[in-house]
C-alpha atoms as a PDB file:
ATOM      1  CA  MET A   1    -105.271-104.345 256.989  1.00  0.00           C
ATOM      2  CA  ALA A   2    -101.778-102.893 257.376  1.00  0.00           C
ATOM      3  CA  GLU A   3    -100.177-101.352 254.331  1.00  0.00           C
ATOM      4  CA  ALA A   4     -97.116-103.165 252.976  1.00  0.00           C
ATOM      5  CA  ALA A   5     -93.811-101.384 253.445  1.00  0.00           C
ATOM      6  CA  PRO A   6     -92.316 -99.990 250.235  1.00  0.00           C
ATOM      7  CA  LYS A   7     -89.503-102.034 248.721  1.00  0.00           C
ATOM      8  CA  ARG A   8     -86.111-100.632 249.754  1.00  0.00           C
ATOM      9  CA  LYS A   9     -83.578 -99.748 247.090  1.00  0.00           C
ATOM     10  CA  LYS A  10     -80.036-101.106 247.518  1.00  0.00           C
ATOM     11  CA  ALA A  11     -77.375 -98.505 248.305  1.00  0.00           C
ATOM     12  CA  SER A  12     -74.884-100.378 246.115  1.00  0.00           C
ATOM     13  CA  TYR A  13     -74.480-103.724 244.440  1.00  0.00           C
ATOM     14  CA  VAL A  14     -71.265-104.596 246.272  1.00  0.00           C
ATOM     15  CA  GLY A  15     -71.670-107.525 248.644  1.00  0.00           C
ATOM     16  CA  VAL A  16     -71.284-107.200 252.405  1.00  0.00           C
ATOM     17  CA  PRO A  17     -67.930-109.049 252.688  1.00  0.00           C
ATOM     18  CA  ALA A  18     -66.444-106.872 249.927  1.00  0.00           C
ATOM     19  CA  ILE A  19     -67.744-103.691 251.599  1.00  0.00           C
ATOM     20  CA  PHE A  20     -66.058-104.701 254.874  1.00  0.00           C
ATOM     21  CA  LYS A  21     -62.762-105.282 253.020  1.00  0.00           C
ATOM     22  CA  LEU A  22     -63.137-101.960 251.219  1.00  0.00           C
ATOM     23  CA  GLU A  23     -63.773-100.147 254.508  1.00  0.00           C
ATOM     24  CA  LEU A  24     -60.662-101.724 256.035  1.00  0.00           C
ATOM     25  CA  ALA A  25     -58.530-100.728 253.042  1.00  0.00           C
ATOM     26  CA  CYS A  26     -59.899 -97.170 253.174  1.00  0.00           C
ATOM     27  CA  MET A  27     -59.055 -96.907 256.874  1.00  0.00           C
ATOM     28  CA  HIS A  28     -55.430 -97.827 256.090  1.00  0.00           C
ATOM     29  CA  LEU A  29     -55.265 -95.366 253.179  1.00  0.00           C
ATOM     30  CA  ASN A  30     -56.746 -92.544 255.244  1.00  0.00           C
ATOM     31  CA  ASP A  31     -54.271 -93.270 258.047  1.00  0.00           C
ATOM     32  CA  ALA A  32     -51.357 -93.236 255.600  1.00  0.00           C
ATOM     33  CA  TYR A  33     -52.331 -90.214 253.487  1.00  0.00           C
ATOM     34  CA  GLY A  34     -54.611 -88.197 255.734  1.00  0.00           C
ATOM     35  CA  ASP A  35     -58.326 -87.727 255.430  1.00  0.00           C
ATOM     36  CA  GLY A  36     -58.284 -85.250 252.517  1.00  0.00           C
ATOM     37  CA  TYR A  37     -61.174 -86.288 250.337  1.00  0.00           C
ATOM     38  CA  GLY A  38     -61.353 -89.763 251.825  1.00  0.00           C
ATOM     39  CA  CYS A  39     -62.365 -92.947 250.079  1.00  0.00           C
ATOM     40  CA  TYR A  40     -65.705 -93.394 248.425  1.00  0.00           C
ATOM     41  CA  LEU A  41     -67.442 -95.840 246.117  1.00  0.00           C
ATOM     42  CA  VAL A  42     -67.717 -94.695 242.521  1.00  0.00           C
ATOM     43  CA  GLY A  43     -68.766 -96.158 239.215  1.00  0.00           C
ATOM     44  CA  SER A  44     -71.347 -98.681 238.192  1.00  0.00           C
ATOM     45  CA  ALA A  45     -71.427-100.424 241.607  1.00  0.00           C
ATOM     46  CA  LEU A  46     -73.976 -97.811 242.617  1.00  0.00           C
ATOM     47  CA  GLY A  47     -76.360 -98.443 239.753  1.00  0.00           C
ATOM     48  CA  MET A  48     -76.091-101.972 238.358  1.00  0.00           C
ATOM     49  CA  ARG A  49     -74.966-105.458 239.249  1.00  0.00           C
ATOM     50  CA  VAL A  50     -72.102-106.078 236.828  1.00  0.00           C
ATOM     51  CA  VAL A  51     -69.035-108.129 237.629  1.00  0.00           C
ATOM     52  CA  ARG A  52     -66.048-106.792 235.751  1.00  0.00           C
ATOM     53  CA  ASN A  53     -62.426-107.811 236.025  1.00  0.00           C
ATOM     54  CA  ASP A  54     -60.011-105.987 233.723  1.00  0.00           C
ATOM     55  CA  ASN A  55     -56.852-107.700 234.963  1.00  0.00           C
END
C-alpha cells in the first residue's frame, strides 16, 4: 500500500485573490520607488488566520 503524502503547511493565511492584489500593488510600488528591499508579507498572516481591521 502506498504511503500517504504528508500534509502540506500553508505558506500564509492570506487568500489567493488578496495575494494577487498584493502582488499587483507591490509591482506598482517597486516601479515607482525602485526595487530596494522590495515588498514582502510580514506579521501574523504568516502564522495564524486572524482577520483584523484597525480602520
